[in-house]
Amino acid sequence: QDTLRKWRMADERDGERRREEEEFRNLRLMQDQSRQRRSTDRELKVRQRKHQGKIKTSKKIQSKYQNEIDMRLANMASLNANIATLPPKRPPSKVFPPVPRSRPSKVAEVALAKRGTGSGLGS
């Protein structure tokens, strides 16, 4: 009887110890999960804040240079309008066709011939 009672008490103590260990493990697991969730939330908030900061900065830069951009666009538009009002280019004259520049002109050849160099037209 006495031994049986000791065994039963030992079993109860062992069961309580195991239950406490299990509760401790569960509590620790919940704390870890909670800590991880908070860390993830914090990281997400930091990223969102940084992103908002970048958006604000880009808007500031854009607004800073917007006037200059508008002025340049207006200037380009007025230049395009001026170009559109110019008379069309005259077609090249048929009386004096353009001289091909693959070889020196006659004047240059004569000058070179006088110096004694070149193609020697006059020699």
PDB file of N, CA and C in Angstrom:
ATOM      1  N   GLN A   1       0.837  -1.198   0.000  1.00  0.00           N
ATOM      2  CA  GLN A   1       0.000   0.000   0.000  1.00  0.00           C
ATOM      3  C   GLN A   1       0.874   1.251   0.000  1.00  0.00           C
ATOM      4  N   ASP A   2       1.818   1.242   0.915  1.00  0.00           N
ATOM      5  CA  ASP A   2       2.691   2.408   1.069  1.00  0.00           C
ATOM      6  C   ASP A   2       3.499   2.650  -0.209  1.00  0.00           C
ATOM      7  N   THR A   3       4.018   1.588  -0.762  1.00  0.00           N
ATOM      8  CA  THR A   3       4.810   1.701  -1.996  1.00  0.00           C
ATOM      9  C   THR A   3       3.936   2.193  -3.141  1.00  0.00           C
ATOM     10  N   LEU A   4       2.722   1.658  -3.208  1.00  0.00           N
ATOM     11  CA  LEU A   4       1.786   2.069  -4.255  1.00  0.00           C
ATOM     12  C   LEU A   4       1.486   3.570  -4.162  1.00  0.00           C
ATOM     13  N   ARG A   5       1.289   4.017  -2.927  1.00  0.00           N
ATOM     14  CA  ARG A   5       1.006   5.437  -2.706  1.00  0.00           C
ATOM     15  C   ARG A   5       2.206   6.287  -3.116  1.00  0.00           C
ATOM     16  N   LYS A   6       3.419   5.835  -2.800  1.00  0.00           N
ATOM     17  CA  LYS A   6       4.636   6.569  -3.185  1.00  0.00           C
ATOM     18  C   LYS A   6       4.750   6.649  -4.709  1.00  0.00           C
ATOM     19  N   TRP A   7       4.430   5.515  -5.357  1.00  0.00           N
ATOM     20  CA  TRP A   7       4.503   5.501  -6.818  1.00  0.00           C
ATOM     21  C   TRP A   7       3.495   6.473  -7.418  1.00  0.00           C
ATOM     22  N   ARG A   8       2.290   6.447  -6.869  1.00  0.00           N
ATOM     23  CA  ARG A   8       1.240   7.330  -7.363  1.00  0.00           C
ATOM     24  C   ARG A   8       1.653   8.794  -7.184  1.00  0.00           C
ATOM     25  N   MET A   9       2.199   9.119  -6.027  1.00  0.00           N
ATOM     26  CA  MET A   9       2.643  10.490  -5.763  1.00  0.00           C
ATOM     27  C   MET A   9       3.781  10.874  -6.715  1.00  0.00           C
ATOM     28  N   ALA A  10       4.695   9.909  -6.935  1.00  0.00           N
ATOM     29  CA  ALA A  10       5.805  10.163  -7.860  1.00  0.00           C
ATOM     30  C   ALA A  10       5.269  10.396  -9.270  1.00  0.00           C
ATOM     31  N   ASP A  11       4.276   9.583  -9.675  1.00  0.00           N
ATOM     32  CA  ASP A  11       3.652   9.772 -10.995  1.00  0.00           C
ATOM     33  C   ASP A  11       2.996  11.146 -11.094  1.00  0.00           C
ATOM     34  N   GLU A  12       2.295  11.537 -10.037  1.00  0.00           N
ATOM     35  CA  GLU A  12       1.633  12.848 -10.043  1.00  0.00           C
ATOM     36  C   GLU A  12       2.663  13.964 -10.149  1.00  0.00           C
ATOM     37  N   ARG A  13       3.744  13.830  -9.344  1.00  0.00           N
ATOM     38  CA  ARG A  13       4.802  14.848  -9.393  1.00  0.00           C
ATOM     39  C   ARG A  13       5.426  14.903 -10.787  1.00  0.00           C
ATOM     40  N   ASP A  14       5.676  13.705 -11.363  1.00  0.00           N
ATOM     41  CA  ASP A  14       6.262  13.637 -12.702  1.00  0.00           C
ATOM     42  C   ASP A  14       5.312  14.259 -13.729  1.00  0.00           C
ATOM     43  N   GLY A  15       4.019  13.954 -13.582  1.00  0.00           N
ATOM     44  CA  GLY A  15       3.012  14.529 -14.486  1.00  0.00           C
ATOM     45  C   GLY A  15       2.955  16.043 -14.360  1.00  0.00           C
ATOM     46  N   GLU A  16       3.005  16.529 -13.103  1.00  0.00           N
ATOM     47  CA  GLU A  16       2.990  17.982 -12.884  1.00  0.00           C
ATOM     48  C   GLU A  16       4.228  18.632 -13.496  1.00  0.00           C
ATOM     49  N   ARG A  17       5.379  17.963 -13.284  1.00  0.00           N
ATOM     50  CA  ARG A  17       6.629  18.508 -13.828  1.00  0.00           C
ATOM     51  C   ARG A  17       6.560  18.579 -15.360  1.00  0.00           C
ATOM     52  N   ARG A  18       6.049  17.481 -15.948  1.00  0.00           N
ATOM     53  CA  ARG A  18       5.928  17.464 -17.412  1.00  0.00           C
ATOM     54  C   ARG A  18       4.940  18.523 -17.897  1.00  0.00           C
ATOM     55  N   ARG A  19       3.845  18.674 -17.184  1.00  0.00           N
ATOM     56  CA  ARG A  19       2.844  19.666 -17.552  1.00  0.00           C
ATOM     57  C   ARG A  19       3.444  21.077 -17.450  1.00  0.00           C
ATOM     58  N   GLU A  20       4.206  21.322 -16.364  1.00  0.00           N
ATOM     59  CA  GLU A  20       4.855  22.624 -16.209  1.00  0.00           C
ATOM     60  C   GLU A  20       5.859  22.870 -17.337  1.00  0.00           C
ATOM     61  N   GLU A  21       6.636  21.825 -17.677  1.00  0.00           N
ATOM     62  CA  GLU A  21       7.593  21.965 -18.781  1.00  0.00           C
ATOM     63  C   GLU A  21       6.868  22.284 -20.086  1.00  0.00           C
ATOM     64  N   GLU A  22       5.765  21.563 -20.312  1.00  0.00           N
ATOM     65  CA  GLU A  22       4.981  21.784 -21.536  1.00  0.00           C
ATOM     66  C   GLU A  22       4.406  23.204 -21.560  1.00  0.00           C
ATOM     67  N   GLU A  23       3.873  23.647 -20.411  1.00  0.00           N
ATOM     68  CA  GLU A  23       3.343  25.010 -20.324  1.00  0.00           C
ATOM     69  C   GLU A  23       4.445  26.035 -20.563  1.00  0.00           C
ATOM     70  N   PHE A  24       5.623  25.755 -19.953  1.00  0.00           N
ATOM     71  CA  PHE A  24       6.757  26.663 -20.129  1.00  0.00           C
ATOM     72  C   PHE A  24       7.152  26.734 -21.610  1.00  0.00           C
ATOM     73  N   ARG A  25       7.225  25.537 -22.259  1.00  0.00           N
ATOM     74  CA  ARG A  25       7.580  25.494 -23.683  1.00  0.00           C
ATOM     75  C   ARG A  25       6.550  26.253 -24.527  1.00  0.00           C
ATOM     76  N   ASN A  26       5.274  26.014 -24.232  1.00  0.00           N
ATOM     77  CA  ASN A  26       4.218  26.707 -24.979  1.00  0.00           C
ATOM     78  C   ASN A  26       4.279  28.217 -24.776  1.00  0.00           C
ATOM     79  N   LEU A  27       4.504  28.617 -23.506  1.00  0.00           N
ATOM     80  CA  LEU A  27       4.618  30.043 -23.206  1.00  0.00           C
ATOM     81  C   LEU A  27       5.797  30.654 -23.955  1.00  0.00           C
ATOM     82  N   ARG A  28       6.942  29.960 -23.912  1.00  0.00           N
ATOM     83  CA  ARG A  28       8.143  30.444 -24.598  1.00  0.00           C
ATOM     84  C   ARG A  28       7.899  30.530 -26.105  1.00  0.00           C
ATOM     85  N   LEU A  29       7.222  29.526 -26.666  1.00  0.00           N
ATOM     86  CA  LEU A  29       6.912  29.515 -28.098  1.00  0.00           C
ATOM     87  C   LEU A  29       6.013  30.696 -28.462  1.00  0.00           C
ATOM     88  N   MET A  30       4.984  30.938 -27.633  1.00  0.00           N
ATOM     89  CA  MET A  30       4.089  32.064 -27.896  1.00  0.00           C
ATOM     90  C   MET A  30       4.847  33.385 -27.807  1.00  0.00           C
ATOM     91  N   GLN A  31       5.745  33.498 -26.802  1.00  0.00           N
ATOM     92  CA  GLN A  31       6.535  34.725 -26.671  1.00  0.00           C
ATOM     93  C   GLN A  31       7.426  34.931 -27.899  1.00  0.00           C
ATOM     94  N   ASP A  32       8.066  33.834 -28.339  1.00  0.00           N
ATOM     95  CA  ASP A  32       8.934  33.930 -29.518  1.00  0.00           C
ATOM     96  C   ASP A  32       8.143  34.356 -30.754  1.00  0.00           C
ATOM     97  N   GLN A  33       6.966  33.741 -30.927  1.00  0.00           N
ATOM     98  CA  GLN A  33       6.138  34.094 -32.082  1.00  0.00           C
ATOM     99  C   GLN A  33       5.691  35.551 -32.006  1.00  0.00           C
ATOM    100  N   SER A  34       5.308  35.968 -30.796  1.00  0.00           N
ATOM    101  CA  SER A  34       4.874  37.348 -30.606  1.00  0.00           C
ATOM    102  C   SER A  34       6.030  38.313 -30.897  1.00  0.00           C
ATOM    103  N   ARG A  35       7.206  37.968 -30.383  1.00  0.00           N
ATOM    104  CA  ARG A  35       8.391  38.801 -30.595  1.00  0.00           C
ATOM    105  C   ARG A  35       8.712  38.891 -32.091  1.00  0.00           C
ATOM    106  N   GLN A  36       8.633  37.744 -32.759  1.00  0.00           N
ATOM    107  CA  GLN A  36       8.920  37.713 -34.195  1.00  0.00           C
ATOM    108  C   GLN A  36       7.893  38.546 -34.974  1.00  0.00           C
ATOM    109  N   ARG A  37       6.631  38.424 -34.580  1.00  0.00           N
ATOM    110  CA  ARG A  37       5.573  39.187 -35.249  1.00  0.00           C
ATOM    111  C   ARG A  37       5.796  40.692 -35.054  1.00  0.00           C
ATOM    112  N   ARG A  38       6.139  41.085 -33.815  1.00  0.00           N
ATOM    113  CA  ARG A  38       6.404  42.505 -33.555  1.00  0.00           C
ATOM    114  C   ARG A  38       7.596  42.993 -34.371  1.00  0.00           C
ATOM    115  N   SER A  39       8.627  42.159 -34.432  1.00  0.00           N
ATOM    116  CA  SER A  39       9.820  42.522 -35.196  1.00  0.00           C
ATOM    117  C   SER A  39       9.481  42.706 -36.676  1.00  0.00           C
ATOM    118  N   THR A  40       8.692  41.784 -37.203  1.00  0.00           N
ATOM    119  CA  THR A  40       8.282  41.879 -38.613  1.00  0.00           C
ATOM    120  C   THR A  40       7.443  43.128 -38.840  1.00  0.00           C
ATOM    121  N   ASP A  41       6.509  43.394 -37.927  1.00  0.00           N
ATOM    122  CA  ASP A  41       5.672  44.594 -38.049  1.00  0.00           C
ATOM    123  C   ASP A  41       6.526  45.857 -38.009  1.00  0.00           C
ATOM    124  N   ARG A  42       7.489  45.872 -37.076  1.00  0.00           N
ATOM    125  CA  ARG A  42       8.368  47.029 -36.939  1.00  0.00           C
ATOM    126  C   ARG A  42       9.160  47.245 -38.232  1.00  0.00           C
ATOM    127  N   GLU A  43       9.695  46.148 -38.766  1.00  0.00           N
ATOM    128  CA  GLU A  43      10.477  46.233 -40.000  1.00  0.00           C
ATOM    129  C   GLU A  43       9.618  46.746 -41.156  1.00  0.00           C
ATOM    130  N   LEU A  44       8.387  46.257 -41.220  1.00  0.00           N
ATOM    131  CA  LEU A  44       7.465  46.691 -42.269  1.00  0.00           C
ATOM    132  C   LEU A  44       7.171  48.186 -42.139  1.00  0.00           C
ATOM    133  N   LYS A  45       6.936  48.639 -40.908  1.00  0.00           N
ATOM    134  CA  LYS A  45       6.664  50.063 -40.694  1.00  0.00           C
ATOM    135  C   LYS A  45       7.861  50.916 -41.101  1.00  0.00           C
ATOM    136  N   VAL A  46       9.068  50.440 -40.741  1.00  0.00           N
ATOM    137  CA  VAL A  46      10.279  51.190 -41.099  1.00  0.00           C
ATOM    138  C   VAL A  46      10.387  51.296 -42.616  1.00  0.00           C
ATOM    139  N   ARG A  47      10.143  50.179 -43.300  1.00  0.00           N
ATOM    140  CA  ARG A  47      10.214  50.199 -44.770  1.00  0.00           C
ATOM    141  C   ARG A  47       9.185  51.152 -45.353  1.00  0.00           C
ATOM    142  N   GLN A  48       7.963  51.115 -44.796  1.00  0.00           N
ATOM    143  CA  GLN A  48       6.920  52.012 -45.302  1.00  0.00           C
ATOM    144  C   GLN A  48       7.296  53.470 -45.065  1.00  0.00           C
ATOM    145  N   ARG A  49       7.868  53.747 -43.869  1.00  0.00           N
ATOM    146  CA  ARG A  49       8.292  55.117 -43.571  1.00  0.00           C
ATOM    147  C   ARG A  49       9.369  55.572 -44.544  1.00  0.00           C
ATOM    148  N   LYS A  50      10.345  54.685 -44.788  1.00  0.00           N
ATOM    149  CA  LYS A  50      11.416  55.042 -45.722  1.00  0.00           C
ATOM    150  C   LYS A  50      10.837  55.307 -47.105  1.00  0.00           C
ATOM    151  N   HIS A  51       9.900  54.447 -47.517  1.00  0.00           N
ATOM    152  CA  HIS A  51       9.289  54.606 -48.838  1.00  0.00           C
ATOM    153  C   HIS A  51       8.543  55.938 -48.905  1.00  0.00           C
ATOM    154  N   GLN A  52       7.799  56.261 -47.839  1.00  0.00           N
ATOM    155  CA  GLN A  52       7.080  57.541 -47.809  1.00  0.00           C
ATOM    156  C   GLN A  52       8.070  58.701 -47.894  1.00  0.00           C
ATOM    157  N   GLY A  53       9.199  58.551 -47.180  1.00  0.00           N
ATOM    158  CA  GLY A  53      10.230  59.590 -47.226  1.00  0.00           C
ATOM    159  C   GLY A  53      10.765  59.773 -48.630  1.00  0.00           C
ATOM    160  N   LYS A  54      10.990  58.647 -49.323  1.00  0.00           N
ATOM    161  CA  LYS A  54      11.491  58.734 -50.700  1.00  0.00           C
ATOM    162  C   LYS A  54      10.463  59.422 -51.592  1.00  0.00           C
ATOM    163  N   ILE A  55       9.190  59.074 -51.393  1.00  0.00           N
ATOM    164  CA  ILE A  55       8.136  59.706 -52.195  1.00  0.00           C
ATOM    165  C   ILE A  55       8.114  61.209 -51.933  1.00  0.00           C
ATOM    166  N   LYS A  56       8.195  61.596 -50.633  1.00  0.00           N
ATOM    167  CA  LYS A  56       8.197  63.021 -50.290  1.00  0.00           C
ATOM    168  C   LYS A  56       9.381  63.717 -50.943  1.00  0.00           C
ATOM    169  N   THR A  57      10.564  63.083 -50.842  1.00  0.00           N
ATOM    170  CA  THR A  57      11.772  63.680 -51.406  1.00  0.00           C
ATOM    171  C   THR A  57      11.623  63.856 -52.908  1.00  0.00           C
ATOM    172  N   SER A  58      11.134  62.824 -53.584  1.00  0.00           N
ATOM    173  CA  SER A  58      11.000  62.931 -55.039  1.00  0.00           C
ATOM    174  C   SER A  58       9.979  64.003 -55.401  1.00  0.00           C
ATOM    175  N   LYS A  59       8.911  64.130 -54.590  1.00  0.00           N
ATOM    176  CA  LYS A  59       7.926  65.183 -54.864  1.00  0.00           C
ATOM    177  C   LYS A  59       8.549  66.561 -54.659  1.00  0.00           C
ATOM    178  N   LYS A  60       9.378  66.696 -53.602  1.00  0.00           N
ATOM    179  CA  LYS A  60      10.049  67.974 -53.358  1.00  0.00           C
ATOM    180  C   LYS A  60      10.949  68.330 -54.534  1.00  0.00           C
ATOM    181  N   ILE A  61      11.743  67.350 -54.965  1.00  0.00           N
ATOM    182  CA  ILE A  61      12.656  67.592 -56.087  1.00  0.00           C
ATOM    183  C   ILE A  61      11.859  67.951 -57.332  1.00  0.00           C
ATOM    184  N   GLN A  62      10.791  67.203 -57.561  1.00  0.00           N
ATOM    185  CA  GLN A  62       9.973  67.454 -58.750  1.00  0.00           C
ATOM    186  C   GLN A  62       9.374  68.853 -58.705  1.00  0.00           C
ATOM    187  N   SER A  63       8.838  69.246 -57.546  1.00  0.00           N
ATOM    188  CA  SER A  63       8.236  70.577 -57.453  1.00  0.00           C
ATOM    189  C   SER A  63       9.306  71.659 -57.568  1.00  0.00           C
ATOM    190  N   LYS A  64      10.510  71.359 -57.072  1.00  0.00           N
ATOM    191  CA  LYS A  64      11.608  72.329 -57.144  1.00  0.00           C
ATOM    192  C   LYS A  64      11.963  72.631 -58.598  1.00  0.00           C
ATOM    193  N   TYR A  65      12.016  71.584 -59.405  1.00  0.00           N
ATOM    194  CA  TYR A  65      12.431  71.763 -60.793  1.00  0.00           C
ATOM    195  C   TYR A  65      11.255  71.905 -61.751  1.00  0.00           C
ATOM    196  N   GLN A  66      10.031  71.842 -61.237  1.00  0.00           N
ATOM    197  CA  GLN A  66       8.860  71.897 -62.115  1.00  0.00           C
ATOM    198  C   GLN A  66       8.792  73.217 -62.870  1.00  0.00           C
ATOM    199  N   ASN A  67       9.103  74.347 -62.192  1.00  0.00           N
ATOM    200  CA  ASN A  67       9.062  75.649 -62.865  1.00  0.00           C
ATOM    201  C   ASN A  67      10.042  75.686 -64.026  1.00  0.00           C
ATOM    202  N   GLU A  68      11.255  75.186 -63.770  1.00  0.00           N
ATOM    203  CA  GLU A  68      12.263  75.170 -64.832  1.00  0.00           C
ATOM    204  C   GLU A  68      11.810  74.276 -65.989  1.00  0.00           C
ATOM    205  N   ILE A  69      11.226  73.137 -65.649  1.00  0.00           N
ATOM    206  CA  ILE A  69      10.725  72.220 -66.680  1.00  0.00           C
ATOM    207  C   ILE A  69       9.642  72.913 -67.503  1.00  0.00           C
ATOM    208  N   ASP A  70       8.715  73.596 -66.832  1.00  0.00           N
ATOM    209  CA  ASP A  70       7.636  74.294 -67.538  1.00  0.00           C
ATOM    210  C   ASP A  70       8.196  75.377 -68.463  1.00  0.00           C
ATOM    211  N   MET A  71       9.209  76.133 -67.958  1.00  0.00           N
ATOM    212  CA  MET A  71       9.807  77.186 -68.782  1.00  0.00           C
ATOM    213  C   MET A  71      10.467  76.591 -70.024  1.00  0.00           C
ATOM    214  N   ARG A  72      11.213  75.511 -69.833  1.00  0.00           N
ATOM    215  CA  ARG A  72      11.895  74.892 -70.981  1.00  0.00           C
ATOM    216  C   ARG A  72      10.893  74.351 -71.992  1.00  0.00           C
ATOM    217  N   LEU A  73       9.814  73.736 -71.491  1.00  0.00           N
ATOM    218  CA  LEU A  73       8.788  73.231 -72.408  1.00  0.00           C
ATOM    219  C   LEU A  73       8.135  74.375 -73.179  1.00  0.00           C
ATOM    220  N   ALA A  74       7.855  75.478 -72.488  1.00  0.00           N
ATOM    221  CA  ALA A  74       7.258  76.635 -73.153  1.00  0.00           C
ATOM    222  C   ALA A  74       8.216  77.188 -74.206  1.00  0.00           C
ATOM    223  N   ASN A  75       9.501  77.253 -73.862  1.00  0.00           N
ATOM    224  CA  ASN A  75      10.516  77.738 -74.792  1.00  0.00           C
ATOM    225  C   ASN A  75      10.572  76.845 -76.033  1.00  0.00           C
ATOM    226  N   MET A  76      10.567  75.517 -75.807  1.00  0.00           N
ATOM    227  CA  MET A  76      10.601  74.580 -76.929  1.00  0.00           C
ATOM    228  C   MET A  76       9.352  74.728 -77.792  1.00  0.00           C
ATOM    229  N   ALA A  77       8.206  74.922 -77.157  1.00  0.00           N
ATOM    230  CA  ALA A  77       6.958  75.080 -77.905  1.00  0.00           C
ATOM    231  C   ALA A  77       7.010  76.340 -78.762  1.00  0.00           C
ATOM    232  N   SER A  78       7.541  77.434 -78.193  1.00  0.00           N
ATOM    233  CA  SER A  78       7.619  78.680 -78.971  1.00  0.00           C
ATOM    234  C   SER A  78       8.612  78.525 -80.119  1.00  0.00           C
ATOM    235  N   LEU A  79       9.724  77.812 -79.881  1.00  0.00           N
ATOM    236  CA  LEU A  79      10.681  77.571 -80.965  1.00  0.00           C
ATOM    237  C   LEU A  79      10.033  76.757 -82.080  1.00  0.00           C
ATOM    238  N   ASN A  80       9.283  75.730 -81.703  1.00  0.00           N
ATOM    239  CA  ASN A  80       8.594  74.919 -82.707  1.00  0.00           C
ATOM    240  C   ASN A  80       7.589  75.760 -83.485  1.00  0.00           C
ATOM    241  N   ALA A  81       6.902  76.663 -82.788  1.00  0.00           N
ATOM    242  CA  ALA A  81       5.938  77.535 -83.461  1.00  0.00           C
ATOM    243  C   ALA A  81       6.667  78.462 -84.434  1.00  0.00           C
ATOM    244  N   ASN A  82       7.838  78.988 -84.024  1.00  0.00           N
ATOM    245  CA  ASN A  82       8.623  79.865 -84.899  1.00  0.00           C
ATOM    246  C   ASN A  82       9.111  79.104 -86.125  1.00  0.00           C
ATOM    247  N   ILE A  83       9.551  77.876 -85.922  1.00  0.00           N
ATOM    248  CA  ILE A  83      10.035  77.066 -87.042  1.00  0.00           C
ATOM    249  C   ILE A  83       8.894  76.805 -88.019  1.00  0.00           C
ATOM    250  N   ALA A  84       7.707  76.577 -87.501  1.00  0.00           N
ATOM    251  CA  ALA A  84       6.559  76.299 -88.360  1.00  0.00           C
ATOM    252  C   ALA A  84       6.191  77.512 -89.209  1.00  0.00           C
ATOM    253  N   THR A  85       6.483  78.735 -88.727  1.00  0.00           N
ATOM    254  CA  THR A  85       6.122  79.940 -89.485  1.00  0.00           C
ATOM    255  C   THR A  85       7.186  80.319 -90.503  1.00  0.00           C
ATOM    256  N   LEU A  86       8.367  79.709 -90.466  1.00  0.00           N
ATOM    257  CA  LEU A  86       9.416  80.033 -91.431  1.00  0.00           C
ATOM    258  C   LEU A  86       8.991  79.577 -92.824  1.00  0.00           C
ATOM    259  N   PRO A  87       9.441  80.315 -93.863  1.00  0.00           N
ATOM    260  CA  PRO A  87       9.111  79.867 -95.218  1.00  0.00           C
ATOM    261  C   PRO A  87       9.846  78.568 -95.526  1.00  0.00           C
ATOM    262  N   PRO A  88       9.314  77.779 -96.447  1.00  0.00           N
ATOM    263  CA  PRO A  88       9.993  76.518 -96.757  1.00  0.00           C
ATOM    264  C   PRO A  88      11.353  76.771 -97.388  1.00  0.00           C
ATOM    265  N   LYS A  89      12.269  75.834 -97.213  1.00  0.00           N
ATOM    266  CA  LYS A  89      13.608  75.983 -97.782  1.00  0.00           C
ATOM    267  C   LYS A  89      13.510  75.958 -99.300  1.00  0.00           C
ATOM    268  N   ARG A  90      14.341  76.809 -99.936  1.00  0.00           N
ATOM    269  CA  ARG A  90      14.349  76.804-101.399  1.00  0.00           C
ATOM    270  C   ARG A  90      15.027  75.540-101.891  1.00  0.00           C
ATOM    271  N   PRO A  91      14.533  74.988-102.981  1.00  0.00           N
ATOM    272  CA  PRO A  91      15.245  73.833-103.531  1.00  0.00           C
ATOM    273  C   PRO A  91      16.593  74.288-104.076  1.00  0.00           C
ATOM    274  N   PRO A  92      17.577  73.413-104.131  1.00  0.00           N
ATOM    275  CA  PRO A  92      18.897  73.826-104.619  1.00  0.00           C
ATOM    276  C   PRO A  92      18.814  74.306-106.070  1.00  0.00           C
ATOM    277  N   SER A  93      19.640  75.282-106.385  1.00  0.00           N
ATOM    278  CA  SER A  93      19.627  75.873-107.717  1.00  0.00           C
ATOM    279  C   SER A  93      20.130  74.860-108.734  1.00  0.00           C
ATOM    280  N   LYS A  94      19.462  74.846-109.900  1.00  0.00           N
ATOM    281  CA  LYS A  94      19.892  73.919-110.951  1.00  0.00           C
ATOM    282  C   LYS A  94      20.943  74.569-111.836  1.00  0.00           C
ATOM    283  N   VAL A  95      21.070  75.895-111.743  1.00  0.00           N
ATOM    284  CA  VAL A  95      22.057  76.596-112.557  1.00  0.00           C
ATOM    285  C   VAL A  95      23.458  76.266-112.067  1.00  0.00           C
ATOM    286  N   PHE A  96      23.649  76.302-110.746  1.00  0.00           N
ATOM    287  CA  PHE A  96      24.960  75.987-110.171  1.00  0.00           C
ATOM    288  C   PHE A  96      24.828  74.729-109.334  1.00  0.00           C
ATOM    289  N   PRO A  97      24.969  73.558-109.937  1.00  0.00           N
ATOM    290  CA  PRO A  97      24.850  72.332-109.140  1.00  0.00           C
ATOM    291  C   PRO A  97      25.990  72.235-108.133  1.00  0.00           C
ATOM    292  N   PRO A  98      25.765  71.564-107.025  1.00  0.00           N
ATOM    293  CA  PRO A  98      26.824  71.468-106.023  1.00  0.00           C
ATOM    294  C   PRO A  98      28.028  70.710-106.573  1.00  0.00           C
ATOM    295  N   VAL A  99      29.212  71.177-106.182  1.00  0.00           N
ATOM    296  CA  VAL A  99      30.460  70.581-106.663  1.00  0.00           C
ATOM    297  C   VAL A  99      30.805  69.405-105.769  1.00  0.00           C
ATOM    298  N   PRO A 100      31.040  68.238-106.359  1.00  0.00           N
ATOM    299  CA  PRO A 100      31.470  67.115-105.517  1.00  0.00           C
ATOM    300  C   PRO A 100      32.863  67.375-104.969  1.00  0.00           C
ATOM    301  N   ARG A 101      33.081  67.077-103.722  1.00  0.00           N
ATOM    302  CA  ARG A 101      34.347  67.392-103.054  1.00  0.00           C
ATOM    303  C   ARG A 101      35.264  66.183-102.937  1.00  0.00           C
ATOM    304  N   SER A 102      35.080  65.207-103.791  1.00  0.00           N
ATOM    305  CA  SER A 102      35.930  64.028-103.691  1.00  0.00           C
ATOM    306  C   SER A 102      37.350  64.337-104.160  1.00  0.00           C
ATOM    307  N   ARG A 103      37.494  65.366-105.034  1.00  0.00           N
ATOM    308  CA  ARG A 103      38.844  65.752-105.482  1.00  0.00           C
ATOM    309  C   ARG A 103      38.974  67.256-105.333  1.00  0.00           C
ATOM    310  N   PRO A 104      40.196  67.772-105.315  1.00  0.00           N
ATOM    311  CA  PRO A 104      40.378  69.220-105.125  1.00  0.00           C
ATOM    312  C   PRO A 104      39.731  70.013-106.258  1.00  0.00           C
ATOM    313  N   SER A 105      39.326  71.214-105.944  1.00  0.00           N
ATOM    314  CA  SER A 105      38.707  72.072-106.952  1.00  0.00           C
ATOM    315  C   SER A 105      39.752  72.509-107.973  1.00  0.00           C
ATOM    316  N   LYS A 106      39.282  73.076-109.090  1.00  0.00           N
ATOM    317  CA  LYS A 106      40.196  73.524-110.156  1.00  0.00           C
ATOM    318  C   LYS A 106      41.134  74.595-109.622  1.00  0.00           C
ATOM    319  N   VAL A 107      40.605  75.494-108.816  1.00  0.00           N
ATOM    320  CA  VAL A 107      41.429  76.572-108.269  1.00  0.00           C
ATOM    321  C   VAL A 107      42.548  75.979-107.437  1.00  0.00           C
ATOM    322  N   ALA A 108      42.221  74.993-106.619  1.00  0.00           N
ATOM    323  CA  ALA A 108      43.233  74.358-105.781  1.00  0.00           C
ATOM    324  C   ALA A 108      44.247  73.621-106.645  1.00  0.00           C
ATOM    325  N   GLU A 109      43.778  72.991-107.721  1.00  0.00           N
ATOM    326  CA  GLU A 109      44.706  72.263-108.595  1.00  0.00           C
ATOM    327  C   GLU A 109      45.672  73.221-109.266  1.00  0.00           C
ATOM    328  N   VAL A 110      45.168  74.351-109.722  1.00  0.00           N
ATOM    329  CA  VAL A 110      46.028  75.340-110.373  1.00  0.00           C
ATOM    330  C   VAL A 110      47.048  75.865-109.385  1.00  0.00           C
ATOM    331  N   ALA A 111      46.615  76.140-108.155  1.00  0.00           N
ATOM    332  CA  ALA A 111      47.529  76.650-107.133  1.00  0.00           C
ATOM    333  C   ALA A 111      48.603  75.620-106.826  1.00  0.00           C
ATOM    334  N   LEU A 112      48.217  74.358-106.732  1.00  0.00           N
ATOM    335  CA  LEU A 112      49.194  73.305-106.467  1.00  0.00           C
ATOM    336  C   LEU A 112      50.152  73.143-107.647  1.00  0.00           C
ATOM    337  N   ALA A 113      49.657  73.312-108.850  1.00  0.00           N
ATOM    338  CA  ALA A 113      50.505  73.170-110.036  1.00  0.00           C
ATOM    339  C   ALA A 113      51.554  74.268-110.077  1.00  0.00           C
ATOM    340  N   LYS A 114      51.169  75.474-109.655  1.00  0.00           N
ATOM    341  CA  LYS A 114      52.124  76.585-109.652  1.00  0.00           C
ATOM    342  C   LYS A 114      53.250  76.324-108.668  1.00  0.00           C
ATOM    343  N   ARG A 115      52.933  75.639-107.572  1.00  0.00           N
ATOM    344  CA  ARG A 115      53.965  75.339-106.571  1.00  0.00           C
ATOM    345  C   ARG A 115      54.795  74.134-106.994  1.00  0.00           C
ATOM    346  N   GLY A 116      54.327  73.423-107.973  1.00  0.00           N
ATOM    347  CA  GLY A 116      55.081  72.275-108.446  1.00  0.00           C
ATOM    348  C   GLY A 116      54.694  70.985-107.767  1.00  0.00           C
ATOM    349  N   THR A 117      53.560  70.958-107.117  1.00  0.00           N
ATOM    350  CA  THR A 117      53.093  69.730-106.487  1.00  0.00           C
ATOM    351  C   THR A 117      51.666  69.479-106.919  1.00  0.00           C
ATOM    352  N   GLY A 118      51.117  68.383-106.509  1.00  0.00           N
ATOM    353  CA  GLY A 118      49.718  68.099-106.790  1.00  0.00           C
ATOM    354  C   GLY A 118      49.570  67.263-108.034  1.00  0.00           C
ATOM    355  N   SER A 119      48.399  67.361-108.655  1.00  0.00           N
ATOM    356  CA  SER A 119      48.119  66.502-109.799  1.00  0.00           C
ATOM    357  C   SER A 119      48.830  66.994-111.049  1.00  0.00           C
ATOM    358  N   GLY A 120      49.249  68.271-111.053  1.00  0.00           N
ATOM    359  CA  GLY A 120      50.051  68.777-112.166  1.00  0.00           C
ATOM    360  C   GLY A 120      49.240  69.037-113.403  1.00  0.00           C
ATOM    361  N   LEU A 121      48.181  69.780-113.287  1.00  0.00           N
ATOM    362  CA  LEU A 121      47.358  70.103-114.436  1.00  0.00           C
ATOM    363  C   LEU A 121      48.141  70.963-115.433  1.00  0.00           C
ATOM    364  N   GLY A 122      48.875  71.911-114.948  1.00  0.00           N
ATOM    365  CA  GLY A 122      49.589  72.848-115.817  1.00  0.00           C
ATOM    366  C   GLY A 122      50.926  72.328-116.309  1.00  0.00           C
ATOM    367  N   SER A 123      51.403  71.185-115.879  1.00  0.00           N
ATOM    368  CA  SER A 123      52.741  70.749-116.261  1.00  0.00           C
ATOM    369  C   SER A 123      52.767  69.854-117.463  1.00  0.00           C
TER     370      SER A 123
END
